[in-house]
Amino acid sequence: MDGGAFGAGKAGGAFDPHAFIRQPHTLLRLLSWVFSIVVFGSIVNEGYVNRPGETQEHCIFNRNRNACNYGITVGVLAFLSCLLYLALDAYFPQISSVKDRKKAVLSDIGVSAFWAFLWFVGFCFLTNQWQASKEEDNPMNEGGDAARAAITFSFFSIFTWGFLVFLAFRRLRDITFQEEYNTLFPNSPSLLP
């Protein structure tokens, strides 16, 4: 059986960081990770301003603290989710069971679709609150670039997470084919790495 385990041709092999980094889902997940850092970093760093003569800071998005809280929360949780799924992607070649691989990919599809939806909601919410902001709330236009960066990278995150869903569906199709192949030809070598 060419040194492979059931369901995975190279299960138990050495980790190849160059091959791991070149995979499209790894690159997209790293890009999503950077986008989440930009979103929550922009809001945390410059997302709170005060009027002249006030001491209390308010959210730059229409003085709506929920907008800033949503952007920060989604950004931080997406950051952690990216780290978790990067670890799963690194471990994925070591999973020898086709059923376990399928579960991992199905969870990737669900989580990625969920994040694409949350980023869409975040983009719409932040954009709406930015448009509703009054000039007198921020007469010196402090933090405007940070707010626009948070909105822009929220928009980009919709597509990176959406494309991760597409890549996970492709991976699921390959795993399903492998499972059917192993059922029909149980003594044949594994087709997928």
Protein backbone atom coordinates (compact mmCIF):
# COMPACT_ATOMS: atom_id res chain seq x y z
CA MET A 1 0.00 0.00 0.00
CA ASP A 2 2.91 2.37 -0.69
CA GLY A 3 3.56 3.21 2.97
CA GLY A 4 0.27 5.05 3.42
CA ALA A 5 -2.41 4.49 6.00
CA PHE A 6 -6.05 3.86 5.22
CA GLY A 7 -7.64 7.06 3.95
CA ALA A 8 -4.49 9.13 3.66
CA GLY A 9 -1.56 8.36 1.45
CA LYS A 10 1.05 10.14 3.57
CA ALA A 11 -0.41 9.93 7.04
CA GLY A 12 2.37 9.88 9.59
CA GLY A 13 4.87 11.58 7.25
CA ALA A 14 7.12 14.47 8.19
CA PHE A 15 5.70 18.00 8.23
CA ASP A 16 6.84 20.03 5.21
CA PRO A 17 6.52 23.76 6.00
CA HIS A 18 7.20 24.83 2.40
CA ALA A 19 4.39 22.66 1.05
CA PHE A 20 2.12 23.83 3.87
CA ILE A 21 2.70 27.55 3.16
CA ARG A 22 2.13 27.11 -0.60
CA GLN A 23 -1.35 25.63 -0.17
CA PRO A 24 -4.11 28.05 -1.21
CA HIS A 25 -6.20 27.54 1.93
CA THR A 26 -3.15 28.25 4.10
CA LEU A 27 -2.40 31.49 2.24
CA LEU A 28 -6.04 32.59 2.47
CA ARG A 29 -6.20 31.75 6.14
CA LEU A 30 -3.03 33.77 6.79
CA LEU A 31 -4.53 36.65 4.80
CA SER A 32 -7.76 36.42 6.82
CA TRP A 33 -5.65 36.41 9.97
CA VAL A 34 -3.91 39.63 8.91
CA PHE A 35 -7.24 41.24 7.94
CA SER A 36 -8.68 40.45 11.37
CA ILE A 37 -5.65 42.04 13.03
CA VAL A 38 -6.12 45.19 10.93
CA VAL A 39 -9.82 45.43 11.81
CA PHE A 40 -9.58 45.00 15.56
CA GLY A 41 -6.25 46.83 15.74
CA SER A 42 -7.62 49.87 13.92
CA ILE A 43 -10.64 50.10 16.17
CA VAL A 44 -8.75 49.49 19.41
CA ASN A 45 -5.99 51.92 18.51
CA GLU A 46 -7.90 54.85 16.98
CA GLY A 47 -11.57 53.92 17.16
CA TYR A 48 -12.40 56.01 20.22
CA VAL A 49 -12.39 59.82 20.17
CA ASN A 50 -13.79 62.64 22.27
CA ARG A 51 -15.18 66.07 21.47
CA PRO A 52 -13.16 69.11 22.45
CA GLY A 53 -13.93 69.81 26.08
CA GLU A 54 -15.00 66.22 26.87
CA THR A 55 -12.95 63.68 28.73
CA GLN A 56 -14.93 60.54 27.95
CA GLU A 57 -14.09 58.86 24.68
CA HIS A 58 -16.82 57.56 22.37
CA CYS A 59 -16.75 55.17 19.45
CA ILE A 60 -15.87 56.86 16.17
CA PHE A 61 -18.73 55.02 14.46
CA ASN A 62 -21.63 57.39 15.26
CA ARG A 63 -20.72 57.33 18.98
CA ASN A 64 -22.25 53.83 18.98
CA ARG A 65 -20.15 51.69 21.29
CA ASN A 66 -21.85 48.55 19.90
CA ALA A 67 -20.24 49.19 16.51
CA CYS A 68 -16.77 49.31 18.02
CA ASN A 69 -17.49 46.33 20.26
CA TYR A 70 -18.76 44.30 17.30
CA GLY A 71 -15.68 45.10 15.19
CA ILE A 72 -13.29 44.29 18.01
CA THR A 73 -15.09 41.08 19.01
CA VAL A 74 -15.39 39.73 15.49
CA GLY A 75 -11.79 40.68 14.74
CA VAL A 76 -10.37 39.00 17.84
CA LEU A 77 -12.48 35.86 17.48
CA ALA A 78 -11.66 35.59 13.75
CA PHE A 79 -7.98 35.97 14.68
CA LEU A 80 -8.25 33.07 17.13
CA SER A 81 -10.30 31.01 14.66
CA CYS A 82 -7.62 31.49 12.01
CA LEU A 83 -4.97 30.25 14.41
CA LEU A 84 -7.06 27.21 15.31
CA TYR A 85 -7.71 26.26 11.69
CA LEU A 86 -4.10 26.91 10.70
CA ALA A 87 -3.15 24.34 13.33
CA LEU A 88 -5.80 21.96 11.95
CA ASP A 89 -4.48 22.52 8.41
CA ALA A 90 -0.97 21.68 9.60
CA TYR A 91 -2.23 18.55 11.35
CA PHE A 92 -4.60 17.52 8.53
CA PRO A 93 -2.09 15.34 6.58
CA GLN A 94 -1.52 13.32 9.76
CA ILE A 95 -5.20 12.34 10.00
CA SER A 96 -5.45 8.85 8.57
CA SER A 97 -9.19 8.22 8.89
CA VAL A 98 -11.30 9.41 5.97
CA LYS A 99 -14.22 9.96 8.35
CA ASP A 100 -12.14 12.18 10.64
CA ARG A 101 -10.85 14.10 7.62
CA LYS A 102 -14.43 14.60 6.47
CA LYS A 103 -15.44 15.91 9.92
CA ALA A 104 -12.53 18.35 9.91
CA VAL A 105 -13.45 19.64 6.46
CA LEU A 106 -17.15 19.90 7.32
CA SER A 107 -16.27 21.96 10.39
CA ASP A 108 -14.06 24.14 8.19
CA ILE A 109 -16.97 24.72 5.81
CA GLY A 110 -19.33 25.64 8.64
CA VAL A 111 -16.90 27.90 10.48
CA SER A 112 -15.72 29.65 7.31
CA ALA A 113 -19.30 30.28 6.15
CA PHE A 114 -20.17 31.58 9.61
CA TRP A 115 -17.23 34.01 9.54
CA ALA A 116 -18.06 35.18 6.01
CA PHE A 117 -21.56 35.99 7.28
CA LEU A 118 -20.27 37.76 10.41
CA TRP A 119 -17.87 39.85 8.33
CA PHE A 120 -20.72 40.78 5.98
CA VAL A 121 -22.83 41.90 8.94
CA GLY A 122 -19.84 43.76 10.38
CA PHE A 123 -19.13 45.51 7.09
CA CYS A 124 -22.76 46.62 6.77
CA PHE A 125 -22.99 47.70 10.42
CA LEU A 126 -19.71 49.64 10.45
CA THR A 127 -20.46 51.29 7.10
CA ASN A 128 -23.93 52.32 8.24
CA GLN A 129 -22.65 53.77 11.50
CA TRP A 130 -19.77 55.55 9.74
CA GLN A 131 -22.21 57.20 7.31
CA ALA A 132 -24.44 58.26 10.21
CA SER A 133 -21.53 59.85 12.10
CA LYS A 134 -21.84 63.59 12.59
CA GLU A 135 -18.99 65.96 11.84
CA GLU A 136 -19.47 67.80 15.14
CA ASP A 137 -18.74 64.55 17.01
CA ASN A 138 -15.25 64.50 15.51
CA PRO A 139 -14.39 67.98 14.20
CA MET A 140 -10.69 67.22 13.73
CA ASN A 141 -11.45 64.00 11.83
CA GLU A 142 -9.29 61.95 14.17
CA GLY A 143 -9.29 58.22 13.51
CA GLY A 144 -11.03 58.53 10.14
CA ASP A 145 -8.37 56.50 8.38
CA ALA A 146 -8.59 53.77 11.02
CA ALA A 147 -12.38 53.63 10.64
CA ARG A 148 -12.09 53.38 6.86
CA ALA A 149 -9.42 50.67 7.24
CA ALA A 150 -11.69 48.65 9.54
CA ILE A 151 -14.55 48.95 7.04
CA THR A 152 -12.33 48.09 4.05
CA PHE A 153 -10.75 45.04 5.63
CA SER A 154 -14.14 43.86 6.89
CA PHE A 155 -15.21 43.92 3.25
CA PHE A 156 -12.11 42.02 2.11
CA SER A 157 -12.65 39.45 4.87
CA ILE A 158 -16.03 38.51 3.39
CA PHE A 159 -14.28 37.29 0.26
CA THR A 160 -11.33 35.56 1.93
CA TRP A 161 -13.64 33.57 4.20
CA GLY A 162 -16.03 32.91 1.32
CA PHE A 163 -13.20 31.55 -0.79
CA LEU A 164 -12.12 29.38 2.14
CA VAL A 165 -15.63 27.86 2.02
CA PHE A 166 -15.14 27.13 -1.69
CA LEU A 167 -11.75 25.49 -1.09
CA ALA A 168 -13.17 23.41 1.76
CA PHE A 169 -15.98 22.19 -0.53
CA ARG A 170 -13.34 21.13 -3.07
CA ARG A 171 -11.45 19.33 -0.33
CA LEU A 172 -14.67 17.62 0.80
CA ARG A 173 -15.34 16.46 -2.76
CA ASP A 174 -11.88 14.93 -2.91
CA ILE A 175 -12.33 13.19 0.45
CA THR A 176 -15.75 11.87 -0.56
CA PHE A 177 -14.23 10.50 -3.76
CA GLN A 178 -11.46 8.88 -1.72
CA GLU A 179 -14.03 7.29 0.61
CA GLU A 180 -16.00 5.86 -2.32
CA TYR A 181 -12.81 4.65 -3.98
CA ASN A 182 -11.72 2.86 -0.80
CA THR A 183 -15.16 1.24 -0.52
CA LEU A 184 -15.13 0.00 -4.12
CA PHE A 185 -11.45 -1.01 -4.19
CA PRO A 186 -10.44 -1.83 -0.59
CA ASN A 187 -7.06 -3.33 -1.50
CA SER A 188 -5.91 -0.48 -3.76
CA PRO A 189 -3.44 2.21 -2.75
CA SER A 190 -4.79 5.55 -1.60
CA LEU A 191 -5.19 8.18 -4.32
CA LEU A 192 -4.97 11.36 -2.23
CA PRO A 193 -1.97 12.59 -0.28
